[in-house]
Amino acid sequence: MRIRIVDAFTDRPFAGNPAGVMLLDAFPDDDWLQDVAMEVNHAETAFAHRLPKGGAADWALRWFTPVAEVAMCGHATLATAHVLHTTGAHDGQVRFATRSGVLIATPAEDGSITLDFPTAPLTSVEVPSGVAGALGAEPAAAFDTGPNVGDLLLELADEKTVLGLTPDHKALAAYSARGIIATARAEDPARGYDFVSRCFFPNVGIDEDPVTGSAHTALAPFWSGRLGRADLTGLQASRRSGVVRTGLRGDRTLLTGRAVTVIEGELLTP
């Protein structure tokens, strides 16, 4: 069985967010999928298999971190769509059947891929007591991002504060189902991005995620409401870093980026 490592939300190797991708004939048992994801040991490994023609979706898609299955993952969806198109396994727009409904990936002539995801519902909440100490900065505001994303979104004072965070990952685990999205407005939009973010997901085995597509389904409505524009660009400022172009379309959010296959090999374990 072929397995690939794809760097997503970047146009160059060794940046963005790496994802494992496997195209299968059917899903084996969950323990096997989890074991493969643990072996790959990236934020997510995506498993997909073709569905019968004529249905609501073209491929079934699931995502696993090294320790758990997740309900939504943007970068591994982008990586899977990239593999389908670059290998000729699927031409044009592809519809994925997932735990978050049907997600659509549309390739463009310039090599980018646009994902159509549900917009996260944002609910303003009190800043939890103790989260500032765990994060290492005092949030200005806090928002619940709903069940699909499962994060606590925290607005911080400025870009410099987001970039300088050195959180206590174990302590952060107490504040949301998946983790924390820390964000601030870009100091200089002339650099090519409107807002900056970092994402910490200790509850699913990821201290800091390099680039998180699903988090941008919450960041898009958050910053579109503040900046007054539907189309924005976000920089996720992890060590690897990556760029996500967002387009708020009501209850749907478009996430656009590029991907690069960096490793292709053979999984020998049956």
C-alpha atoms as a PDB file:
ATOM      1  CA  MET A   1       0.000   0.000   0.000  1.00  0.00           C
ATOM      2  CA  ARG A   2       1.308   3.408  -0.986  1.00  0.00           C
ATOM      3  CA  ILE A   3       1.698   6.063   1.680  1.00  0.00           C
ATOM      4  CA  ARG A   4       2.646   9.675   1.096  1.00  0.00           C
ATOM      5  CA  ILE A   5       3.720  12.601   3.258  1.00  0.00           C
ATOM      6  CA  VAL A   6       2.368  15.899   1.966  1.00  0.00           C
ATOM      7  CA  ASP A   7       3.174  19.385   3.257  1.00  0.00           C
ATOM      8  CA  ALA A   8      -0.070  21.387   3.185  1.00  0.00           C
ATOM      9  CA  PHE A   9      -0.767  25.122   3.126  1.00  0.00           C
ATOM     10  CA  THR A  10       2.648  25.791   1.628  1.00  0.00           C
ATOM     11  CA  ASP A  11       4.250  25.864  -1.807  1.00  0.00           C
ATOM     12  CA  ARG A  12       7.616  24.480  -0.690  1.00  0.00           C
ATOM     13  CA  PRO A  13       8.839  21.341   1.078  1.00  0.00           C
ATOM     14  CA  PHE A  14       9.553  21.292   4.813  1.00  0.00           C
ATOM     15  CA  ALA A  15       7.064  24.058   5.581  1.00  0.00           C
ATOM     16  CA  GLY A  16       3.327  24.131   6.231  1.00  0.00           C
ATOM     17  CA  ASN A  17       1.721  21.156   7.968  1.00  0.00           C
ATOM     18  CA  PRO A  18       2.782  17.600   7.023  1.00  0.00           C
ATOM     19  CA  ALA A  19       0.073  14.945   6.705  1.00  0.00           C
ATOM     20  CA  GLY A  20       0.179  11.276   5.920  1.00  0.00           C
ATOM     21  CA  VAL A  21      -2.159  10.231   3.091  1.00  0.00           C
ATOM     22  CA  MET A  22      -3.266   6.713   2.188  1.00  0.00           C
ATOM     23  CA  LEU A  23      -5.707   5.799  -0.594  1.00  0.00           C
ATOM     24  CA  LEU A  24      -7.357   2.475   0.273  1.00  0.00           C
ATOM     25  CA  ASP A  25      -9.891   0.074  -1.222  1.00  0.00           C
ATOM     26  CA  ALA A  26     -11.906   0.236   2.027  1.00  0.00           C
ATOM     27  CA  PHE A  27     -11.335   1.246   5.648  1.00  0.00           C
ATOM     28  CA  PRO A  28      -9.679  -1.504   7.727  1.00  0.00           C
ATOM     29  CA  ASP A  29     -10.511  -1.703  11.433  1.00  0.00           C
ATOM     30  CA  ASP A  30     -10.013   1.408  13.541  1.00  0.00           C
ATOM     31  CA  ASP A  31      -7.099  -0.034  15.513  1.00  0.00           C
ATOM     32  CA  TRP A  32      -5.103  -0.479  12.297  1.00  0.00           C
ATOM     33  CA  LEU A  33      -5.842   3.072  11.183  1.00  0.00           C
ATOM     34  CA  GLN A  34      -4.789   4.396  14.574  1.00  0.00           C
ATOM     35  CA  ASP A  35      -1.588   2.332  14.532  1.00  0.00           C
ATOM     36  CA  VAL A  36      -0.623   3.719  11.127  1.00  0.00           C
ATOM     37  CA  ALA A  37      -1.295   7.281  12.288  1.00  0.00           C
ATOM     38  CA  MET A  38       0.834   6.658  15.381  1.00  0.00           C
ATOM     39  CA  GLU A  39       3.630   5.313  13.183  1.00  0.00           C
ATOM     40  CA  VAL A  40       3.461   8.293  10.807  1.00  0.00           C
ATOM     41  CA  ASN A  41       3.435  10.550  13.888  1.00  0.00           C
ATOM     42  CA  HIS A  42       2.326  13.733  12.158  1.00  0.00           C
ATOM     43  CA  ALA A  43      -0.539  15.930  13.321  1.00  0.00           C
ATOM     44  CA  GLU A  44      -2.941  13.930  11.144  1.00  0.00           C
ATOM     45  CA  THR A  45      -2.904  11.006   8.773  1.00  0.00           C
ATOM     46  CA  ALA A  46      -5.755  10.877   6.244  1.00  0.00           C
ATOM     47  CA  PHE A  47      -7.305   7.663   4.956  1.00  0.00           C
ATOM     48  CA  ALA A  48      -9.593   7.718   1.922  1.00  0.00           C
ATOM     49  CA  HIS A  49     -11.378   5.225  -0.306  1.00  0.00           C
ATOM     50  CA  ARG A  50     -13.455   5.671  -3.426  1.00  0.00           C
ATOM     51  CA  LEU A  51     -17.256   5.542  -3.136  1.00  0.00           C
ATOM     52  CA  PRO A  52     -19.718   4.183  -5.731  1.00  0.00           C
ATOM     53  CA  LYS A  53     -20.634   6.602  -8.485  1.00  0.00           C
ATOM     54  CA  GLY A  54     -23.904   8.508  -8.311  1.00  0.00           C
ATOM     55  CA  GLY A  55     -23.841   9.271  -4.594  1.00  0.00           C
ATOM     56  CA  ALA A  56     -23.500  12.518  -2.662  1.00  0.00           C
ATOM     57  CA  ALA A  57     -19.722  12.078  -2.348  1.00  0.00           C
ATOM     58  CA  ASP A  58     -16.849  10.673  -4.399  1.00  0.00           C
ATOM     59  CA  TRP A  59     -14.507   9.509  -1.616  1.00  0.00           C
ATOM     60  CA  ALA A  60     -14.872   8.604   2.053  1.00  0.00           C
ATOM     61  CA  LEU A  61     -12.303  10.364   4.253  1.00  0.00           C
ATOM     62  CA  ARG A  62     -11.180   9.948   7.873  1.00  0.00           C
ATOM     63  CA  TRP A  63      -8.429  11.657   9.870  1.00  0.00           C
ATOM     64  CA  PHE A  64      -6.368  10.362  12.793  1.00  0.00           C
ATOM     65  CA  THR A  65      -3.824  12.081  15.018  1.00  0.00           C
ATOM     66  CA  PRO A  66      -1.213   9.826  16.656  1.00  0.00           C
ATOM     67  CA  VAL A  67      -3.669   9.252  19.534  1.00  0.00           C
ATOM     68  CA  ALA A  68      -7.253   9.838  18.313  1.00  0.00           C
ATOM     69  CA  GLU A  69      -9.657  10.183  15.396  1.00  0.00           C
ATOM     70  CA  VAL A  70     -10.814  13.768  14.806  1.00  0.00           C
ATOM     71  CA  ALA A  71     -14.072  15.155  13.437  1.00  0.00           C
ATOM     72  CA  MET A  72     -12.512  17.726  11.107  1.00  0.00           C
ATOM     73  CA  CYS A  73      -9.106  18.409   9.587  1.00  0.00           C
ATOM     74  CA  GLY A  74      -8.327  20.979   6.934  1.00  0.00           C
ATOM     75  CA  HIS A  75      -4.671  20.399   6.122  1.00  0.00           C
ATOM     76  CA  ALA A  76      -5.022  16.614   5.701  1.00  0.00           C
ATOM     77  CA  THR A  77      -8.075  17.180   3.459  1.00  0.00           C
ATOM     78  CA  LEU A  78      -6.000  19.540   1.335  1.00  0.00           C
ATOM     79  CA  ALA A  79      -3.206  16.963   1.286  1.00  0.00           C
ATOM     80  CA  THR A  80      -5.603  14.194   0.210  1.00  0.00           C
ATOM     81  CA  ALA A  81      -7.074  16.312  -2.590  1.00  0.00           C
ATOM     82  CA  HIS A  82      -3.529  17.115  -3.732  1.00  0.00           C
ATOM     83  CA  VAL A  83      -2.660  13.394  -3.880  1.00  0.00           C
ATOM     84  CA  LEU A  84      -5.847  12.558  -5.783  1.00  0.00           C
ATOM     85  CA  HIS A  85      -5.129  15.213  -8.404  1.00  0.00           C
ATOM     86  CA  THR A  86      -1.374  14.706  -8.770  1.00  0.00           C
ATOM     87  CA  THR A  87      -1.672  10.920  -9.086  1.00  0.00           C
ATOM     88  CA  GLY A  88      -4.641  11.027 -11.467  1.00  0.00           C
ATOM     89  CA  ALA A  89      -6.865   9.127  -9.025  1.00  0.00           C
ATOM     90  CA  HIS A  90      -9.505  11.838  -9.366  1.00  0.00           C
ATOM     91  CA  ASP A  91      -9.974  14.721 -11.813  1.00  0.00           C
ATOM     92  CA  GLY A  92     -11.521  18.061 -10.974  1.00  0.00           C
ATOM     93  CA  GLN A  93     -13.647  18.846  -7.950  1.00  0.00           C
ATOM     94  CA  VAL A  94     -13.816  16.084  -5.344  1.00  0.00           C
ATOM     95  CA  ARG A  95     -16.497  15.551  -2.678  1.00  0.00           C
ATOM     96  CA  PHE A  96     -15.435  13.869   0.571  1.00  0.00           C
ATOM     97  CA  ALA A  97     -17.853  12.095   2.896  1.00  0.00           C
ATOM     98  CA  THR A  98     -16.622  12.818   6.447  1.00  0.00           C
ATOM     99  CA  ARG A  99     -17.781  13.039  10.045  1.00  0.00           C
ATOM    100  CA  SER A 100     -18.345  16.747   9.367  1.00  0.00           C
ATOM    101  CA  GLY A 101     -20.582  16.138   6.350  1.00  0.00           C
ATOM    102  CA  VAL A 102     -19.647  16.421   2.693  1.00  0.00           C
ATOM    103  CA  LEU A 103     -16.533  18.570   2.226  1.00  0.00           C
ATOM    104  CA  ILE A 104     -15.607  19.779  -1.264  1.00  0.00           C
ATOM    105  CA  ALA A 105     -12.115  20.403  -2.653  1.00  0.00           C
ATOM    106  CA  THR A 106     -11.764  22.325  -5.911  1.00  0.00           C
ATOM    107  CA  PRO A 107      -8.424  22.624  -7.744  1.00  0.00           C
ATOM    108  CA  ALA A 108      -7.463  25.792  -9.633  1.00  0.00           C
ATOM    109  CA  GLU A 109      -5.263  26.212 -12.673  1.00  0.00           C
ATOM    110  CA  ASP A 110      -2.567  27.893 -10.565  1.00  0.00           C
ATOM    111  CA  GLY A 111      -2.135  24.709  -8.512  1.00  0.00           C
ATOM    112  CA  SER A 112      -3.985  25.895  -5.421  1.00  0.00           C
ATOM    113  CA  ILE A 113      -6.898  23.971  -3.922  1.00  0.00           C
ATOM    114  CA  THR A 114      -9.961  25.489  -2.267  1.00  0.00           C
ATOM    115  CA  LEU A 115     -11.771  23.591   0.477  1.00  0.00           C
ATOM    116  CA  ASP A 116     -15.445  24.219   1.263  1.00  0.00           C
ATOM    117  CA  PHE A 117     -15.965  23.674   5.017  1.00  0.00           C
ATOM    118  CA  PRO A 118     -18.743  24.531   7.483  1.00  0.00           C
ATOM    119  CA  THR A 119     -18.237  27.849   9.254  1.00  0.00           C
ATOM    120  CA  ALA A 120     -17.632  27.406  12.974  1.00  0.00           C
ATOM    121  CA  PRO A 121     -20.319  29.003  15.169  1.00  0.00           C
ATOM    122  CA  LEU A 122     -18.636  31.465  17.545  1.00  0.00           C
ATOM    123  CA  THR A 123     -20.077  32.071  21.010  1.00  0.00           C
ATOM    124  CA  SER A 124     -18.571  34.717  23.266  1.00  0.00           C
ATOM    125  CA  VAL A 125     -17.601  33.278  26.663  1.00  0.00           C
ATOM    126  CA  GLU A 126     -15.858  34.544  29.775  1.00  0.00           C
ATOM    127  CA  VAL A 127     -12.093  34.205  29.684  1.00  0.00           C
ATOM    128  CA  PRO A 128     -11.547  31.117  31.856  1.00  0.00           C
ATOM    129  CA  SER A 129      -9.796  31.627  35.153  1.00  0.00           C
ATOM    130  CA  GLY A 130      -6.231  30.367  34.885  1.00  0.00           C
ATOM    131  CA  VAL A 131      -5.999  30.243  31.093  1.00  0.00           C
ATOM    132  CA  ALA A 132      -3.735  33.313  30.996  1.00  0.00           C
ATOM    133  CA  GLY A 133      -1.195  31.548  33.187  1.00  0.00           C
ATOM    134  CA  ALA A 134      -1.318  28.380  31.088  1.00  0.00           C
ATOM    135  CA  LEU A 135      -1.023  30.295  27.818  1.00  0.00           C
ATOM    136  CA  GLY A 136       1.503  32.849  28.996  1.00  0.00           C
ATOM    137  CA  ALA A 137      -0.523  35.922  27.983  1.00  0.00           C
ATOM    138  CA  GLU A 138      -3.721  37.658  29.061  1.00  0.00           C
ATOM    139  CA  PRO A 139      -6.519  37.238  26.477  1.00  0.00           C
ATOM    140  CA  ALA A 140      -8.660  40.216  25.530  1.00  0.00           C
ATOM    141  CA  ALA A 141     -11.637  37.993  24.634  1.00  0.00           C
ATOM    142  CA  ALA A 142     -12.624  34.322  24.411  1.00  0.00           C
ATOM    143  CA  PHE A 143     -14.963  32.407  22.117  1.00  0.00           C
ATOM    144  CA  ASP A 144     -16.254  28.851  21.958  1.00  0.00           C
ATOM    145  CA  THR A 145     -15.952  27.469  18.410  1.00  0.00           C
ATOM    146  CA  GLY A 146     -18.659  24.775  18.540  1.00  0.00           C
ATOM    147  CA  PRO A 147     -18.530  20.967  18.480  1.00  0.00           C
ATOM    148  CA  ASN A 148     -16.911  20.387  15.084  1.00  0.00           C
ATOM    149  CA  VAL A 149     -13.830  22.467  15.851  1.00  0.00           C
ATOM    150  CA  GLY A 150     -13.891  22.044  19.626  1.00  0.00           C
ATOM    151  CA  ASP A 151     -11.423  24.829  20.453  1.00  0.00           C
ATOM    152  CA  LEU A 152     -11.337  27.900  22.647  1.00  0.00           C
ATOM    153  CA  LEU A 153     -10.428  30.910  20.508  1.00  0.00           C
ATOM    154  CA  LEU A 154      -8.499  33.590  22.409  1.00  0.00           C
ATOM    155  CA  GLU A 155      -7.860  37.078  21.040  1.00  0.00           C
ATOM    156  CA  LEU A 156      -4.541  38.485  22.232  1.00  0.00           C
ATOM    157  CA  ALA A 157      -3.256  42.039  22.349  1.00  0.00           C
ATOM    158  CA  ASP A 158      -1.040  41.985  19.275  1.00  0.00           C
ATOM    159  CA  GLU A 159       0.967  39.896  16.819  1.00  0.00           C
ATOM    160  CA  LYS A 160       4.126  40.108  18.928  1.00  0.00           C
ATOM    161  CA  THR A 161       2.308  38.508  21.865  1.00  0.00           C
ATOM    162  CA  VAL A 162       1.089  35.599  19.712  1.00  0.00           C
ATOM    163  CA  LEU A 163       4.562  35.000  18.278  1.00  0.00           C
ATOM    164  CA  GLY A 164       6.165  35.031  21.712  1.00  0.00           C
ATOM    165  CA  LEU A 165       3.889  32.481  23.407  1.00  0.00           C
ATOM    166  CA  THR A 166       5.548  29.638  25.332  1.00  0.00           C
ATOM    167  CA  PRO A 167       2.509  27.892  26.837  1.00  0.00           C
ATOM    168  CA  ASP A 168       2.235  25.142  29.422  1.00  0.00           C
ATOM    169  CA  HIS A 169       0.688  22.544  27.096  1.00  0.00           C
ATOM    170  CA  LYS A 170      -0.374  20.202  29.874  1.00  0.00           C
ATOM    171  CA  ALA A 171      -2.184  23.017  31.680  1.00  0.00           C
ATOM    172  CA  LEU A 172      -3.911  24.165  28.464  1.00  0.00           C
ATOM    173  CA  ALA A 173      -5.619  20.775  28.119  1.00  0.00           C
ATOM    174  CA  ALA A 174      -8.175  21.739  30.774  1.00  0.00           C
ATOM    175  CA  TYR A 175      -9.761  24.555  28.772  1.00  0.00           C
ATOM    176  CA  SER A 176     -11.372  22.958  25.710  1.00  0.00           C
ATOM    177  CA  ALA A 177     -12.203  19.677  23.988  1.00  0.00           C
ATOM    178  CA  ARG A 178      -9.331  19.925  21.497  1.00  0.00           C
ATOM    179  CA  GLY A 179      -7.227  22.968  22.312  1.00  0.00           C
ATOM    180  CA  ILE A 180      -6.547  26.673  22.045  1.00  0.00           C
ATOM    181  CA  ILE A 181      -6.483  29.043  19.058  1.00  0.00           C
ATOM    182  CA  ALA A 182      -4.482  32.178  19.907  1.00  0.00           C
ATOM    183  CA  THR A 183      -4.867  35.038  17.444  1.00  0.00           C
ATOM    184  CA  ALA A 184      -4.232  38.736  16.874  1.00  0.00           C
ATOM    185  CA  ARG A 185      -4.509  41.263  14.074  1.00  0.00           C
ATOM    186  CA  ALA A 186      -1.486  41.536  11.774  1.00  0.00           C
ATOM    187  CA  GLU A 187       0.788  44.430  12.669  1.00  0.00           C
ATOM    188  CA  ASP A 188       1.533  45.183   9.012  1.00  0.00           C
ATOM    189  CA  PRO A 189      -0.972  43.870   6.416  1.00  0.00           C
ATOM    190  CA  ALA A 190       1.511  44.885   3.703  1.00  0.00           C
ATOM    191  CA  ARG A 191       3.395  41.691   4.584  1.00  0.00           C
ATOM    192  CA  GLY A 192       0.594  39.746   2.911  1.00  0.00           C
ATOM    193  CA  TYR A 193      -1.594  38.573   5.780  1.00  0.00           C
ATOM    194  CA  ASP A 194      -4.429  40.108   7.790  1.00  0.00           C
ATOM    195  CA  PHE A 195      -4.216  38.137  11.022  1.00  0.00           C
ATOM    196  CA  VAL A 196      -1.852  35.761  12.777  1.00  0.00           C
ATOM    197  CA  SER A 197      -2.584  32.652  14.809  1.00  0.00           C
ATOM    198  CA  ARG A 198      -1.049  29.727  16.664  1.00  0.00           C
ATOM    199  CA  CYS A 199      -2.857  26.528  17.673  1.00  0.00           C
ATOM    200  CA  PHE A 200      -2.183  24.249  20.652  1.00  0.00           C
ATOM    201  CA  PHE A 201      -3.992  20.881  20.800  1.00  0.00           C
ATOM    202  CA  PRO A 202      -2.690  18.853  23.767  1.00  0.00           C
ATOM    203  CA  ASN A 203      -5.925  16.860  24.093  1.00  0.00           C
ATOM    204  CA  VAL A 204      -5.318  15.117  20.759  1.00  0.00           C
ATOM    205  CA  GLY A 205      -1.581  14.643  21.186  1.00  0.00           C
ATOM    206  CA  ILE A 206      -0.406  17.780  19.346  1.00  0.00           C
ATOM    207  CA  ASP A 207       1.348  20.395  21.466  1.00  0.00           C
ATOM    208  CA  GLU A 208       1.437  22.896  18.595  1.00  0.00           C
ATOM    209  CA  ASP A 209      -0.107  22.279  15.185  1.00  0.00           C
ATOM    210  CA  PRO A 210       1.947  23.816  12.350  1.00  0.00           C
ATOM    211  CA  VAL A 211      -1.015  24.999  10.211  1.00  0.00           C
ATOM    212  CA  THR A 212      -4.649  24.263  11.061  1.00  0.00           C
ATOM    213  CA  GLY A 213      -7.303  24.484   8.347  1.00  0.00           C
ATOM    214  CA  SER A 214     -10.182  23.692  10.699  1.00  0.00           C
ATOM    215  CA  ALA A 215      -9.198  26.533  13.063  1.00  0.00           C
ATOM    216  CA  HIS A 216      -9.573  28.946  10.152  1.00  0.00           C
ATOM    217  CA  THR A 217     -13.285  28.098   9.924  1.00  0.00           C
ATOM    218  CA  ALA A 218     -13.466  29.993  13.245  1.00  0.00           C
ATOM    219  CA  LEU A 219     -10.783  32.573  12.465  1.00  0.00           C
ATOM    220  CA  ALA A 220     -12.529  33.551   9.213  1.00  0.00           C
ATOM    221  CA  PRO A 221     -15.802  34.735  10.784  1.00  0.00           C
ATOM    222  CA  PHE A 222     -13.957  36.201  13.761  1.00  0.00           C
ATOM    223  CA  TRP A 223     -11.670  38.430  11.701  1.00  0.00           C
ATOM    224  CA  SER A 224     -14.139  39.110   8.887  1.00  0.00           C
ATOM    225  CA  GLY A 225     -16.444  40.626  11.492  1.00  0.00           C
ATOM    226  CA  ARG A 226     -13.676  42.872  12.813  1.00  0.00           C
ATOM    227  CA  LEU A 227     -12.012  43.802   9.538  1.00  0.00           C
ATOM    228  CA  GLY A 228     -15.186  44.145   7.450  1.00  0.00           C
ATOM    229  CA  ARG A 229     -14.061  41.902   4.578  1.00  0.00           C
ATOM    230  CA  ALA A 230     -15.176  38.423   3.562  1.00  0.00           C
ATOM    231  CA  ASP A 231     -11.847  37.428   1.986  1.00  0.00           C
ATOM    232  CA  LEU A 232      -8.753  37.446   4.185  1.00  0.00           C
ATOM    233  CA  THR A 233      -5.330  35.829   4.524  1.00  0.00           C
ATOM    234  CA  GLY A 234      -4.111  34.255   7.737  1.00  0.00           C
ATOM    235  CA  LEU A 235      -0.561  33.408   8.758  1.00  0.00           C
ATOM    236  CA  GLN A 236      -0.241  30.540  11.215  1.00  0.00           C
ATOM    237  CA  ALA A 237       3.053  31.398  12.831  1.00  0.00           C
ATOM    238  CA  SER A 238       4.394  28.048  13.992  1.00  0.00           C
ATOM    239  CA  ARG A 239       8.041  27.126  13.465  1.00  0.00           C
ATOM    240  CA  ARG A 240       7.134  25.640  10.059  1.00  0.00           C
ATOM    241  CA  SER A 241       4.540  28.353   9.322  1.00  0.00           C
ATOM    242  CA  GLY A 242       1.907  28.423   6.600  1.00  0.00           C
ATOM    243  CA  VAL A 243      -0.648  30.640   4.871  1.00  0.00           C
ATOM    244  CA  VAL A 244      -4.403  30.055   4.573  1.00  0.00           C
ATOM    245  CA  ARG A 245      -6.596  32.254   2.385  1.00  0.00           C
ATOM    246  CA  THR A 246     -10.115  32.389   3.815  1.00  0.00           C
ATOM    247  CA  GLY A 247     -13.429  33.323   2.234  1.00  0.00           C
ATOM    248  CA  LEU A 248     -16.475  33.678   4.486  1.00  0.00           C
ATOM    249  CA  ARG A 249     -19.637  32.601   2.668  1.00  0.00           C
ATOM    250  CA  GLY A 250     -22.286  32.573   5.386  1.00  0.00           C
ATOM    251  CA  ASP A 251     -22.476  29.132   6.926  1.00  0.00           C
ATOM    252  CA  ARG A 252     -19.591  27.945   4.724  1.00  0.00           C
ATOM    253  CA  THR A 253     -15.945  28.980   4.784  1.00  0.00           C
ATOM    254  CA  LEU A 254     -13.544  28.597   1.858  1.00  0.00           C
ATOM    255  CA  LEU A 255      -9.956  27.678   2.714  1.00  0.00           C
ATOM    256  CA  THR A 256      -7.406  28.017  -0.091  1.00  0.00           C
ATOM    257  CA  GLY A 257      -3.814  26.833  -0.105  1.00  0.00           C
ATOM    258  CA  ARG A 258      -1.193  24.768  -1.848  1.00  0.00           C
ATOM    259  CA  ALA A 259       0.469  21.456  -1.070  1.00  0.00           C
ATOM    260  CA  VAL A 260       3.692  19.601  -1.913  1.00  0.00           C
ATOM    261  CA  THR A 261       4.347  15.853  -1.784  1.00  0.00           C
ATOM    262  CA  VAL A 262       7.692  15.287  -0.065  1.00  0.00           C
ATOM    263  CA  ILE A 263       7.800  11.524   0.597  1.00  0.00           C
ATOM    264  CA  GLU A 264       6.261   8.569  -1.188  1.00  0.00           C
ATOM    265  CA  GLY A 265       6.775   4.994  -0.058  1.00  0.00           C
ATOM    266  CA  GLU A 266       5.343   1.547   0.572  1.00  0.00           C
ATOM    267  CA  LEU A 267       3.664   0.504   3.815  1.00  0.00           C
ATOM    268  CA  LEU A 268       4.924  -3.048   4.389  1.00  0.00           C
ATOM    269  CA  THR A 269       2.714  -4.024   7.328  1.00  0.00           C
ATOM    270  CA  PRO A 270      -0.456  -5.782   6.071  1.00  0.00           C
END
